[in-house]
N, C-alpha and C. Protein backbone atom coordinates (compact mmCIF):
# COMPACT_ATOMS: atom_id res chain seq x y z
N MET A 1 -8.59 -19.92 -53.10
CA MET A 1 -8.06 -21.24 -52.79
C MET A 1 -6.88 -21.57 -53.70
N TYR A 2 -5.86 -22.11 -53.07
CA TYR A 2 -4.68 -22.52 -53.82
C TYR A 2 -4.65 -24.04 -53.89
N GLU A 3 -3.73 -24.55 -54.66
CA GLU A 3 -3.65 -26.00 -54.84
C GLU A 3 -2.87 -26.67 -53.72
N GLY A 4 -3.33 -27.84 -53.35
CA GLY A 4 -2.61 -28.78 -52.49
C GLY A 4 -1.87 -28.23 -51.31
N ILE A 5 -0.55 -28.45 -51.32
CA ILE A 5 0.26 -28.16 -50.13
C ILE A 5 0.36 -26.67 -49.82
N VAL A 6 0.21 -25.79 -50.82
CA VAL A 6 0.22 -24.35 -50.55
C VAL A 6 -1.00 -24.01 -49.71
N GLN A 7 -2.16 -24.53 -50.07
CA GLN A 7 -3.36 -24.28 -49.28
C GLN A 7 -3.27 -24.94 -47.91
N ASP A 8 -2.64 -26.11 -47.85
CA ASP A 8 -2.45 -26.78 -46.56
C ASP A 8 -1.61 -25.91 -45.63
N LEU A 9 -0.54 -25.30 -46.17
CA LEU A 9 0.32 -24.43 -45.38
C LEU A 9 -0.47 -23.20 -44.89
N ILE A 10 -1.23 -22.58 -45.78
CA ILE A 10 -2.05 -21.42 -45.40
C ILE A 10 -3.05 -21.81 -44.31
N ASP A 11 -3.67 -22.96 -44.45
CA ASP A 11 -4.64 -23.42 -43.46
C ASP A 11 -3.98 -23.64 -42.10
N GLU A 12 -2.80 -24.26 -42.11
CA GLU A 12 -2.09 -24.52 -40.84
C GLU A 12 -1.65 -23.21 -40.19
N LEU A 13 -1.13 -22.28 -40.98
CA LEU A 13 -0.72 -20.99 -40.43
C LEU A 13 -1.93 -20.23 -39.89
N GLY A 14 -3.08 -20.37 -40.55
CA GLY A 14 -4.30 -19.69 -40.11
C GLY A 14 -4.83 -20.22 -38.79
N ARG A 15 -4.38 -21.38 -38.36
CA ARG A 15 -4.80 -21.93 -37.07
C ARG A 15 -4.03 -21.33 -35.91
N LEU A 16 -2.94 -20.61 -36.20
CA LEU A 16 -2.15 -19.98 -35.14
C LEU A 16 -2.93 -18.81 -34.55
N PRO A 17 -2.79 -18.57 -33.24
CA PRO A 17 -3.53 -17.46 -32.61
C PRO A 17 -3.09 -16.11 -33.19
N GLY A 18 -4.05 -15.28 -33.50
CA GLY A 18 -3.76 -13.94 -34.01
C GLY A 18 -3.42 -13.88 -35.49
N VAL A 19 -3.46 -15.02 -36.17
CA VAL A 19 -3.14 -15.05 -37.60
C VAL A 19 -4.44 -15.31 -38.37
N GLY A 20 -4.90 -14.29 -39.07
CA GLY A 20 -6.11 -14.43 -39.88
C GLY A 20 -5.77 -14.97 -41.26
N PRO A 21 -6.78 -15.14 -42.11
CA PRO A 21 -6.56 -15.71 -43.45
C PRO A 21 -5.57 -14.91 -44.30
N LYS A 22 -5.68 -13.58 -44.26
CA LYS A 22 -4.76 -12.75 -45.07
C LYS A 22 -3.33 -12.86 -44.57
N SER A 23 -3.17 -12.82 -43.24
CA SER A 23 -1.81 -12.94 -42.67
C SER A 23 -1.23 -14.31 -42.97
N ALA A 24 -2.05 -15.35 -42.87
CA ALA A 24 -1.59 -16.71 -43.17
C ALA A 24 -1.11 -16.80 -44.62
N GLN A 25 -1.85 -16.20 -45.52
CA GLN A 25 -1.46 -16.21 -46.93
C GLN A 25 -0.16 -15.44 -47.14
N ARG A 26 -0.03 -14.29 -46.47
CA ARG A 26 1.18 -13.48 -46.59
C ARG A 26 2.40 -14.24 -46.06
N ILE A 27 2.25 -14.92 -44.92
CA ILE A 27 3.36 -15.69 -44.35
C ILE A 27 3.71 -16.86 -45.26
N ALA A 28 2.70 -17.53 -45.78
CA ALA A 28 2.94 -18.68 -46.67
C ALA A 28 3.75 -18.26 -47.89
N PHE A 29 3.38 -17.13 -48.50
CA PHE A 29 4.11 -16.69 -49.68
C PHE A 29 5.49 -16.14 -49.34
N HIS A 30 5.66 -15.64 -48.14
CA HIS A 30 7.00 -15.25 -47.68
C HIS A 30 7.88 -16.50 -47.58
N ILE A 31 7.32 -17.56 -47.01
CA ILE A 31 8.08 -18.81 -46.88
C ILE A 31 8.43 -19.37 -48.25
N LEU A 32 7.50 -19.30 -49.21
CA LEU A 32 7.77 -19.79 -50.56
C LEU A 32 8.90 -19.01 -51.24
N ALA A 33 8.96 -17.71 -50.96
CA ALA A 33 9.97 -16.86 -51.59
C ALA A 33 11.30 -16.84 -50.83
N ALA A 34 11.29 -17.31 -49.59
CA ALA A 34 12.49 -17.24 -48.74
C ALA A 34 13.56 -18.21 -49.19
N ASP A 35 14.78 -17.92 -48.77
CA ASP A 35 15.91 -18.80 -49.02
C ASP A 35 15.65 -20.15 -48.33
N PRO A 36 15.90 -21.26 -49.00
CA PRO A 36 15.65 -22.58 -48.39
C PRO A 36 16.37 -22.78 -47.05
N VAL A 37 17.54 -22.18 -46.89
CA VAL A 37 18.29 -22.31 -45.63
C VAL A 37 17.50 -21.67 -44.48
N ASP A 38 16.90 -20.50 -44.74
CA ASP A 38 16.11 -19.82 -43.72
C ASP A 38 14.87 -20.64 -43.36
N VAL A 39 14.23 -21.23 -44.34
CA VAL A 39 13.03 -22.03 -44.10
C VAL A 39 13.39 -23.28 -43.29
N LEU A 40 14.51 -23.92 -43.63
CA LEU A 40 14.93 -25.10 -42.87
C LEU A 40 15.29 -24.74 -41.43
N ARG A 41 15.89 -23.55 -41.24
CA ARG A 41 16.22 -23.10 -39.89
C ARG A 41 14.94 -22.91 -39.07
N LEU A 42 13.89 -22.35 -39.69
CA LEU A 42 12.60 -22.19 -39.03
C LEU A 42 12.00 -23.56 -38.69
N ALA A 43 12.04 -24.47 -39.65
CA ALA A 43 11.50 -25.82 -39.43
C ALA A 43 12.25 -26.52 -38.29
N ASP A 44 13.57 -26.37 -38.27
CA ASP A 44 14.38 -26.97 -37.20
C ASP A 44 14.02 -26.38 -35.85
N ALA A 45 13.84 -25.06 -35.80
CA ALA A 45 13.48 -24.40 -34.53
C ALA A 45 12.13 -24.90 -34.03
N LEU A 46 11.16 -25.05 -34.93
CA LEU A 46 9.84 -25.56 -34.55
C LEU A 46 9.93 -26.99 -34.02
N ARG A 47 10.68 -27.84 -34.71
CA ARG A 47 10.83 -29.23 -34.28
C ARG A 47 11.55 -29.30 -32.93
N GLU A 48 12.61 -28.51 -32.80
CA GLU A 48 13.41 -28.54 -31.57
C GLU A 48 12.61 -28.05 -30.36
N VAL A 49 11.80 -27.02 -30.55
CA VAL A 49 11.02 -26.51 -29.42
C VAL A 49 10.00 -27.55 -28.96
N LYS A 50 9.43 -28.30 -29.88
CA LYS A 50 8.48 -29.35 -29.50
C LYS A 50 9.17 -30.54 -28.83
N GLU A 51 10.42 -30.80 -29.22
CA GLU A 51 11.16 -31.93 -28.65
C GLU A 51 11.76 -31.61 -27.29
N LYS A 52 12.25 -30.37 -27.10
CA LYS A 52 13.05 -30.06 -25.92
C LYS A 52 12.36 -29.22 -24.85
N VAL A 53 11.35 -28.45 -25.21
CA VAL A 53 10.74 -27.56 -24.23
C VAL A 53 9.57 -28.27 -23.57
N ARG A 54 9.50 -28.11 -22.26
CA ARG A 54 8.43 -28.70 -21.45
C ARG A 54 7.98 -27.68 -20.43
N PHE A 55 7.13 -28.06 -19.53
CA PHE A 55 6.69 -27.16 -18.47
C PHE A 55 7.36 -27.57 -17.17
N CYS A 56 7.83 -26.59 -16.43
CA CYS A 56 8.52 -26.81 -15.16
C CYS A 56 7.66 -27.66 -14.23
N SER A 57 8.27 -28.65 -13.61
CA SER A 57 7.54 -29.55 -12.72
C SER A 57 7.09 -28.86 -11.44
N ILE A 58 7.68 -27.71 -11.12
CA ILE A 58 7.31 -26.99 -9.90
C ILE A 58 6.29 -25.90 -10.18
N CYS A 59 6.63 -24.98 -11.08
CA CYS A 59 5.79 -23.79 -11.26
C CYS A 59 4.92 -23.79 -12.52
N GLY A 60 5.26 -24.61 -13.50
CA GLY A 60 4.48 -24.64 -14.73
C GLY A 60 4.98 -23.69 -15.80
N ASN A 61 6.11 -23.01 -15.56
CA ASN A 61 6.71 -22.13 -16.56
C ASN A 61 7.38 -23.00 -17.63
N VAL A 62 7.70 -22.41 -18.78
CA VAL A 62 8.41 -23.18 -19.81
C VAL A 62 9.85 -23.43 -19.35
N ALA A 63 10.35 -24.60 -19.69
CA ALA A 63 11.70 -24.98 -19.27
C ALA A 63 12.28 -25.98 -20.26
N GLU A 64 13.60 -26.02 -20.31
CA GLU A 64 14.28 -27.02 -21.13
C GLU A 64 14.75 -28.19 -20.28
N GLU A 65 14.67 -28.02 -18.97
CA GLU A 65 15.03 -29.08 -18.03
C GLU A 65 13.79 -29.40 -17.20
N GLU A 66 13.96 -30.27 -16.22
CA GLU A 66 12.84 -30.65 -15.35
C GLU A 66 12.25 -29.43 -14.63
N GLN A 67 13.16 -28.51 -14.22
CA GLN A 67 12.75 -27.28 -13.55
C GLN A 67 13.25 -26.08 -14.34
N CYS A 68 12.49 -24.98 -14.28
CA CYS A 68 12.91 -23.76 -14.98
C CYS A 68 14.05 -23.07 -14.22
N ARG A 69 14.69 -22.11 -14.85
CA ARG A 69 15.83 -21.44 -14.23
C ARG A 69 15.44 -20.67 -12.99
N ILE A 70 14.20 -20.17 -12.92
CA ILE A 70 13.76 -19.41 -11.75
C ILE A 70 13.60 -20.33 -10.55
N CYS A 71 13.00 -21.49 -10.74
CA CYS A 71 12.84 -22.44 -9.64
C CYS A 71 14.18 -23.01 -9.18
N ARG A 72 15.16 -23.07 -10.08
CA ARG A 72 16.49 -23.58 -9.72
C ARG A 72 17.35 -22.51 -9.03
N ASP A 73 16.97 -21.24 -9.12
CA ASP A 73 17.78 -20.14 -8.60
C ASP A 73 17.66 -20.06 -7.07
N PRO A 74 18.75 -20.35 -6.34
CA PRO A 74 18.69 -20.33 -4.87
C PRO A 74 18.56 -18.91 -4.29
N ARG A 75 18.78 -17.90 -5.11
CA ARG A 75 18.70 -16.52 -4.62
C ARG A 75 17.27 -15.98 -4.59
N ARG A 76 16.32 -16.70 -5.16
CA ARG A 76 14.94 -16.24 -5.18
C ARG A 76 14.33 -16.34 -3.78
N ASP A 77 13.44 -15.39 -3.46
CA ASP A 77 12.75 -15.35 -2.18
C ASP A 77 11.69 -16.45 -2.12
N LEU A 78 11.84 -17.38 -1.21
CA LEU A 78 10.93 -18.52 -1.10
C LEU A 78 9.62 -18.16 -0.39
N THR A 79 9.57 -16.97 0.23
CA THR A 79 8.39 -16.62 1.01
C THR A 79 7.31 -15.93 0.19
N VAL A 80 7.63 -15.49 -1.04
CA VAL A 80 6.67 -14.77 -1.86
C VAL A 80 6.43 -15.54 -3.16
N LEU A 81 5.16 -15.77 -3.45
CA LEU A 81 4.78 -16.53 -4.65
C LEU A 81 3.85 -15.67 -5.50
N CYS A 82 4.21 -15.46 -6.75
CA CYS A 82 3.40 -14.67 -7.67
C CYS A 82 2.65 -15.63 -8.60
N VAL A 83 1.32 -15.53 -8.59
CA VAL A 83 0.48 -16.40 -9.40
C VAL A 83 0.10 -15.68 -10.68
N VAL A 84 0.41 -16.29 -11.82
CA VAL A 84 0.12 -15.70 -13.13
C VAL A 84 -0.69 -16.71 -13.96
N GLU A 85 -1.25 -16.21 -15.06
CA GLU A 85 -2.05 -17.09 -15.92
C GLU A 85 -1.19 -17.91 -16.87
N GLU A 86 -0.23 -17.27 -17.54
CA GLU A 86 0.53 -17.93 -18.60
C GLU A 86 2.04 -17.68 -18.45
N PRO A 87 2.89 -18.53 -19.06
CA PRO A 87 4.33 -18.30 -19.00
C PRO A 87 4.75 -16.93 -19.53
N LYS A 88 4.02 -16.38 -20.51
CA LYS A 88 4.39 -15.06 -21.03
C LYS A 88 4.26 -13.98 -19.96
N ASP A 89 3.40 -14.21 -18.95
CA ASP A 89 3.25 -13.25 -17.86
C ASP A 89 4.50 -13.25 -16.98
N VAL A 90 5.14 -14.41 -16.83
CA VAL A 90 6.39 -14.49 -16.06
C VAL A 90 7.44 -13.61 -16.74
N VAL A 91 7.54 -13.72 -18.05
CA VAL A 91 8.52 -12.92 -18.81
C VAL A 91 8.25 -11.43 -18.61
N ALA A 92 6.97 -11.03 -18.68
CA ALA A 92 6.62 -9.61 -18.52
C ALA A 92 7.03 -9.10 -17.15
N ILE A 93 6.78 -9.88 -16.09
CA ILE A 93 7.14 -9.46 -14.74
C ILE A 93 8.65 -9.45 -14.55
N GLU A 94 9.33 -10.46 -15.09
CA GLU A 94 10.79 -10.52 -14.97
C GLU A 94 11.47 -9.32 -15.61
N LYS A 95 10.89 -8.80 -16.69
CA LYS A 95 11.48 -7.64 -17.37
C LYS A 95 11.50 -6.40 -16.48
N THR A 96 10.60 -6.33 -15.49
CA THR A 96 10.57 -5.17 -14.59
C THR A 96 11.72 -5.18 -13.61
N ARG A 97 12.28 -6.35 -13.33
CA ARG A 97 13.35 -6.54 -12.34
C ARG A 97 12.94 -6.09 -10.94
N GLU A 98 11.64 -6.11 -10.68
CA GLU A 98 11.10 -5.67 -9.39
C GLU A 98 10.77 -6.85 -8.47
N PHE A 99 10.55 -8.01 -9.03
CA PHE A 99 10.09 -9.16 -8.25
C PHE A 99 11.20 -10.18 -8.12
N ARG A 100 11.49 -10.61 -6.89
CA ARG A 100 12.57 -11.57 -6.65
C ARG A 100 12.07 -12.88 -6.04
N GLY A 101 10.76 -13.07 -6.03
CA GLY A 101 10.20 -14.30 -5.48
C GLY A 101 10.09 -15.38 -6.55
N ARG A 102 9.17 -16.31 -6.32
CA ARG A 102 8.94 -17.40 -7.27
C ARG A 102 7.56 -17.26 -7.89
N TYR A 103 7.29 -18.09 -8.87
CA TYR A 103 6.04 -18.00 -9.64
C TYR A 103 5.25 -19.29 -9.57
N HIS A 104 3.96 -19.15 -9.90
CA HIS A 104 3.12 -20.31 -10.15
C HIS A 104 2.25 -19.97 -11.36
N VAL A 105 2.37 -20.75 -12.42
CA VAL A 105 1.63 -20.52 -13.65
C VAL A 105 0.38 -21.40 -13.65
N LEU A 106 -0.79 -20.76 -13.72
CA LEU A 106 -2.05 -21.50 -13.67
C LEU A 106 -2.37 -22.23 -14.97
N GLY A 107 -1.92 -21.68 -16.09
CA GLY A 107 -2.26 -22.27 -17.38
C GLY A 107 -3.57 -21.74 -17.93
N GLY A 108 -3.97 -20.54 -17.48
CA GLY A 108 -5.20 -19.93 -17.96
C GLY A 108 -5.94 -19.25 -16.83
N ALA A 109 -7.21 -18.97 -17.07
CA ALA A 109 -8.06 -18.31 -16.08
C ALA A 109 -9.43 -18.96 -16.08
N ILE A 110 -10.13 -18.84 -14.97
CA ILE A 110 -11.48 -19.39 -14.88
C ILE A 110 -12.38 -18.65 -15.86
N SER A 111 -13.06 -19.40 -16.72
CA SER A 111 -13.93 -18.81 -17.72
C SER A 111 -15.09 -19.76 -18.00
N PRO A 112 -16.20 -19.62 -17.27
CA PRO A 112 -17.34 -20.51 -17.48
C PRO A 112 -17.85 -20.51 -18.92
N ILE A 113 -17.77 -19.37 -19.59
CA ILE A 113 -18.23 -19.27 -20.99
C ILE A 113 -17.44 -20.21 -21.89
N ASP A 114 -16.12 -20.31 -21.61
CA ASP A 114 -15.26 -21.19 -22.40
C ASP A 114 -15.17 -22.59 -21.82
N GLY A 115 -15.93 -22.85 -20.75
CA GLY A 115 -15.92 -24.17 -20.13
C GLY A 115 -14.68 -24.45 -19.31
N ILE A 116 -14.00 -23.39 -18.83
CA ILE A 116 -12.79 -23.57 -18.03
C ILE A 116 -13.11 -23.28 -16.57
N GLY A 117 -13.02 -24.32 -15.76
CA GLY A 117 -13.27 -24.19 -14.33
C GLY A 117 -11.98 -24.35 -13.55
N PRO A 118 -12.04 -24.25 -12.22
CA PRO A 118 -10.85 -24.39 -11.39
C PRO A 118 -10.11 -25.71 -11.59
N ASP A 119 -10.85 -26.78 -11.88
CA ASP A 119 -10.19 -28.08 -12.07
C ASP A 119 -9.39 -28.17 -13.36
N ASP A 120 -9.61 -27.23 -14.28
CA ASP A 120 -8.89 -27.22 -15.55
C ASP A 120 -7.57 -26.45 -15.46
N LEU A 121 -7.33 -25.81 -14.32
CA LEU A 121 -6.13 -25.01 -14.12
C LEU A 121 -5.21 -25.70 -13.11
N ARG A 122 -4.03 -25.17 -12.92
CA ARG A 122 -3.05 -25.76 -11.99
C ARG A 122 -3.27 -25.22 -10.57
N ILE A 123 -4.53 -25.26 -10.11
CA ILE A 123 -4.86 -24.74 -8.78
C ILE A 123 -4.55 -25.78 -7.71
N ARG A 124 -4.79 -27.05 -7.99
CA ARG A 124 -4.44 -28.11 -7.04
C ARG A 124 -2.94 -28.08 -6.75
N GLU A 125 -2.14 -27.90 -7.81
CA GLU A 125 -0.69 -27.83 -7.64
C GLU A 125 -0.28 -26.62 -6.81
N LEU A 126 -1.02 -25.51 -6.99
CA LEU A 126 -0.74 -24.30 -6.20
C LEU A 126 -0.93 -24.58 -4.71
N PHE A 127 -2.03 -25.21 -4.34
CA PHE A 127 -2.30 -25.47 -2.93
C PHE A 127 -1.34 -26.52 -2.36
N ALA A 128 -0.90 -27.44 -3.18
CA ALA A 128 0.12 -28.40 -2.74
C ALA A 128 1.41 -27.65 -2.42
N ARG A 129 1.77 -26.70 -3.25
CA ARG A 129 2.98 -25.90 -3.01
C ARG A 129 2.84 -25.07 -1.74
N LEU A 130 1.68 -24.46 -1.55
CA LEU A 130 1.46 -23.61 -0.38
C LEU A 130 1.51 -24.42 0.92
N SER A 131 1.05 -25.65 0.88
CA SER A 131 1.05 -26.47 2.09
C SER A 131 2.45 -26.99 2.43
N GLU A 132 3.32 -27.06 1.44
CA GLU A 132 4.66 -27.62 1.64
C GLU A 132 5.75 -26.56 1.78
N SER A 133 5.43 -25.28 1.58
CA SER A 133 6.48 -24.26 1.52
C SER A 133 6.37 -23.25 2.65
N ALA A 134 7.34 -22.34 2.66
CA ALA A 134 7.38 -21.28 3.68
C ALA A 134 6.76 -20.00 3.15
N THR A 135 5.82 -20.11 2.22
CA THR A 135 5.20 -18.93 1.61
C THR A 135 4.42 -18.13 2.64
N THR A 136 4.70 -16.82 2.69
CA THR A 136 3.97 -15.93 3.60
C THR A 136 3.09 -14.94 2.84
N GLU A 137 3.34 -14.80 1.52
CA GLU A 137 2.51 -13.90 0.71
C GLU A 137 2.32 -14.49 -0.68
N VAL A 138 1.09 -14.38 -1.16
CA VAL A 138 0.76 -14.77 -2.54
C VAL A 138 0.30 -13.51 -3.25
N ILE A 139 0.97 -13.19 -4.35
CA ILE A 139 0.59 -12.05 -5.17
C ILE A 139 -0.21 -12.58 -6.36
N LEU A 140 -1.45 -12.14 -6.49
CA LEU A 140 -2.29 -12.57 -7.59
C LEU A 140 -2.11 -11.61 -8.76
N ALA A 141 -1.43 -12.07 -9.80
CA ALA A 141 -1.10 -11.24 -10.95
C ALA A 141 -1.84 -11.73 -12.19
N THR A 142 -3.11 -12.06 -12.01
CA THR A 142 -3.92 -12.47 -13.17
C THR A 142 -4.31 -11.22 -13.96
N ASP A 143 -4.74 -11.42 -15.18
CA ASP A 143 -5.09 -10.29 -16.06
C ASP A 143 -6.24 -9.47 -15.47
N PRO A 144 -6.21 -8.15 -15.70
CA PRO A 144 -7.29 -7.29 -15.19
C PRO A 144 -8.52 -7.29 -16.10
N ASN A 145 -9.03 -8.48 -16.38
CA ASN A 145 -10.26 -8.62 -17.16
C ASN A 145 -11.23 -9.48 -16.37
N LEU A 146 -12.39 -9.75 -16.93
CA LEU A 146 -13.42 -10.49 -16.21
C LEU A 146 -12.93 -11.86 -15.72
N GLU A 147 -12.27 -12.61 -16.59
CA GLU A 147 -11.78 -13.93 -16.23
C GLU A 147 -10.67 -13.86 -15.18
N GLY A 148 -9.74 -12.90 -15.36
CA GLY A 148 -8.65 -12.73 -14.40
C GLY A 148 -9.15 -12.32 -13.03
N GLU A 149 -10.15 -11.43 -13.01
CA GLU A 149 -10.73 -11.00 -11.74
C GLU A 149 -11.45 -12.15 -11.05
N ALA A 150 -12.19 -12.95 -11.83
CA ALA A 150 -12.89 -14.10 -11.25
C ALA A 150 -11.89 -15.09 -10.65
N THR A 151 -10.80 -15.30 -11.36
CA THR A 151 -9.77 -16.23 -10.89
C THR A 151 -9.12 -15.71 -9.62
N ALA A 152 -8.79 -14.41 -9.59
CA ALA A 152 -8.16 -13.81 -8.41
C ALA A 152 -9.09 -13.87 -7.20
N THR A 153 -10.36 -13.58 -7.42
CA THR A 153 -11.34 -13.61 -6.33
C THR A 153 -11.47 -15.03 -5.77
N TYR A 154 -11.56 -16.01 -6.67
CA TYR A 154 -11.67 -17.41 -6.26
C TYR A 154 -10.45 -17.83 -5.45
N LEU A 155 -9.25 -17.51 -5.95
CA LEU A 155 -8.02 -17.90 -5.26
C LEU A 155 -7.89 -17.21 -3.91
N ALA A 156 -8.22 -15.92 -3.84
CA ALA A 156 -8.13 -15.18 -2.58
C ALA A 156 -9.03 -15.82 -1.53
N ARG A 157 -10.23 -16.20 -1.94
CA ARG A 157 -11.18 -16.83 -1.01
C ARG A 157 -10.66 -18.20 -0.54
N MET A 158 -10.02 -18.94 -1.44
CA MET A 158 -9.51 -20.27 -1.09
C MET A 158 -8.24 -20.21 -0.23
N ILE A 159 -7.42 -19.18 -0.45
CA ILE A 159 -6.15 -19.06 0.28
C ILE A 159 -6.35 -18.47 1.68
N ALA A 160 -7.38 -17.65 1.86
CA ALA A 160 -7.62 -16.95 3.12
C ALA A 160 -7.54 -17.86 4.36
N PRO A 161 -8.16 -19.05 4.36
CA PRO A 161 -8.09 -19.90 5.56
C PRO A 161 -6.69 -20.41 5.90
N LEU A 162 -5.76 -20.31 4.95
CA LEU A 162 -4.40 -20.80 5.19
C LEU A 162 -3.56 -19.83 6.01
N GLY A 163 -4.07 -18.61 6.22
CA GLY A 163 -3.33 -17.61 6.99
C GLY A 163 -2.17 -16.99 6.22
N ILE A 164 -2.21 -17.08 4.91
CA ILE A 164 -1.17 -16.50 4.06
C ILE A 164 -1.70 -15.17 3.52
N ALA A 165 -0.86 -14.14 3.57
CA ALA A 165 -1.26 -12.82 3.05
C ALA A 165 -1.48 -12.93 1.54
N VAL A 166 -2.56 -12.32 1.07
CA VAL A 166 -2.87 -12.33 -0.36
C VAL A 166 -2.95 -10.90 -0.84
N SER A 167 -2.24 -10.59 -1.91
CA SER A 167 -2.30 -9.25 -2.49
C SER A 167 -2.58 -9.36 -3.98
N ARG A 168 -3.02 -8.26 -4.55
CA ARG A 168 -3.37 -8.21 -5.98
C ARG A 168 -2.55 -7.10 -6.59
N LEU A 169 -2.04 -7.29 -7.79
CA LEU A 169 -1.32 -6.23 -8.47
C LEU A 169 -2.23 -5.02 -8.62
N ALA A 170 -1.69 -3.84 -8.39
CA ALA A 170 -2.47 -2.62 -8.59
C ALA A 170 -2.74 -2.45 -10.07
N SER A 171 -3.87 -1.85 -10.38
CA SER A 171 -4.17 -1.56 -11.77
C SER A 171 -4.79 -0.19 -11.84
N GLY A 172 -4.67 0.46 -12.96
CA GLY A 172 -5.20 1.81 -13.10
C GLY A 172 -4.73 2.45 -14.37
N LEU A 173 -4.38 3.71 -14.27
CA LEU A 173 -4.04 4.50 -15.45
C LEU A 173 -2.64 4.19 -15.96
N PRO A 174 -2.50 4.03 -17.26
CA PRO A 174 -1.15 3.81 -17.81
C PRO A 174 -0.36 5.11 -17.84
N VAL A 175 0.95 5.00 -17.73
CA VAL A 175 1.81 6.18 -17.84
C VAL A 175 1.65 6.78 -19.23
N GLY A 176 1.45 8.07 -19.29
CA GLY A 176 1.27 8.74 -20.58
C GLY A 176 -0.17 8.77 -21.04
N GLY A 177 -1.09 8.21 -20.24
CA GLY A 177 -2.50 8.19 -20.61
C GLY A 177 -3.22 9.47 -20.21
N ASP A 178 -4.37 9.72 -20.81
CA ASP A 178 -5.20 10.87 -20.47
C ASP A 178 -6.43 10.40 -19.71
N LEU A 179 -6.80 11.14 -18.65
CA LEU A 179 -7.96 10.78 -17.85
C LEU A 179 -9.24 10.70 -18.68
N GLU A 180 -9.38 11.61 -19.63
CA GLU A 180 -10.64 11.66 -20.40
C GLU A 180 -10.88 10.39 -21.22
N TYR A 181 -9.80 9.64 -21.52
CA TYR A 181 -9.95 8.43 -22.34
C TYR A 181 -10.05 7.16 -21.50
N ALA A 182 -9.90 7.28 -20.18
CA ALA A 182 -9.95 6.10 -19.31
C ALA A 182 -11.39 5.66 -19.11
N ASP A 183 -11.61 4.34 -19.14
CA ASP A 183 -12.96 3.83 -18.87
C ASP A 183 -13.21 3.88 -17.36
N GLU A 184 -14.47 3.71 -16.97
CA GLU A 184 -14.86 3.85 -15.57
C GLU A 184 -14.17 2.84 -14.66
N VAL A 185 -14.03 1.60 -15.13
CA VAL A 185 -13.42 0.57 -14.31
C VAL A 185 -11.95 0.89 -14.05
N THR A 186 -11.23 1.28 -15.11
CA THR A 186 -9.82 1.63 -14.97
C THR A 186 -9.64 2.82 -14.03
N LEU A 187 -10.46 3.83 -14.21
CA LEU A 187 -10.37 5.02 -13.37
C LEU A 187 -10.72 4.68 -11.92
N GLY A 188 -11.73 3.84 -11.73
CA GLY A 188 -12.09 3.40 -10.38
C GLY A 188 -10.95 2.65 -9.72
N ARG A 189 -10.27 1.78 -10.47
CA ARG A 189 -9.12 1.05 -9.94
C ARG A 189 -7.98 1.99 -9.57
N ALA A 190 -7.81 3.01 -10.37
CA ALA A 190 -6.75 3.98 -10.09
C ALA A 190 -7.01 4.67 -8.75
N PHE A 191 -8.28 4.98 -8.46
CA PHE A 191 -8.61 5.58 -7.17
C PHE A 191 -8.40 4.60 -6.03
N GLU A 192 -8.82 3.36 -6.24
CA GLU A 192 -8.64 2.33 -5.20
C GLU A 192 -7.17 2.10 -4.88
N GLY A 193 -6.33 2.10 -5.90
CA GLY A 193 -4.91 1.80 -5.73
C GLY A 193 -4.05 3.02 -5.48
N ARG A 194 -4.65 4.17 -5.18
CA ARG A 194 -3.85 5.38 -4.97
C ARG A 194 -2.95 5.22 -3.75
N ARG A 195 -1.84 5.98 -3.73
CA ARG A 195 -0.94 5.95 -2.58
C ARG A 195 -0.53 7.35 -2.21
N ARG A 196 -0.24 7.53 -0.96
CA ARG A 196 0.15 8.86 -0.47
C ARG A 196 1.56 9.20 -0.92
N LEU A 197 1.76 10.46 -1.24
CA LEU A 197 3.11 10.91 -1.65
C LEU A 197 3.84 11.61 -0.51
N ASN A 198 3.10 12.04 0.52
CA ASN A 198 3.73 12.79 1.61
C ASN A 198 3.69 12.02 2.92
N ALA A 199 3.65 10.70 2.85
CA ALA A 199 3.53 9.88 4.06
C ALA A 199 4.83 9.86 4.85
């Protein structure tokens, strides 16, 4: 334990996701040793992000304006909507340069253990968008874990009566991976998502 504000800083840093007590202490002492100009620049960036960044009124992605740049882009395909859990998932998909449609950010995944149900996510907003738009396909790009699968299954069941095609991102073996190290679920998914090479 350190005195006063040093311990307060360590405690606050330790509340950040993925930052344990040792990392919090290391960051705190880095800040103490850093040039005051660098520390003020960090403080300004933190203050500015809280003041200026919001969530897009259409898709829920992070934005500095009422709508994010993707929702404002007239070149995006209005017929395809990709549903993701978090804004960081939008960034990951955008880096592939493979998807030219629009997004809908749920703000998490269904997780009864954590007390998160459908009403805690942006699912109502999703169905409002689907009823008002020309969407012909919804791509469910939730995480390939228990919560992501539960969310995808729930959404697929709810969207089915709307007559909109629903697809799920393929999942399976990573490039450069070895079969012997793949778990059964991953290997099973790889078989399910296989595609013909000589079609």
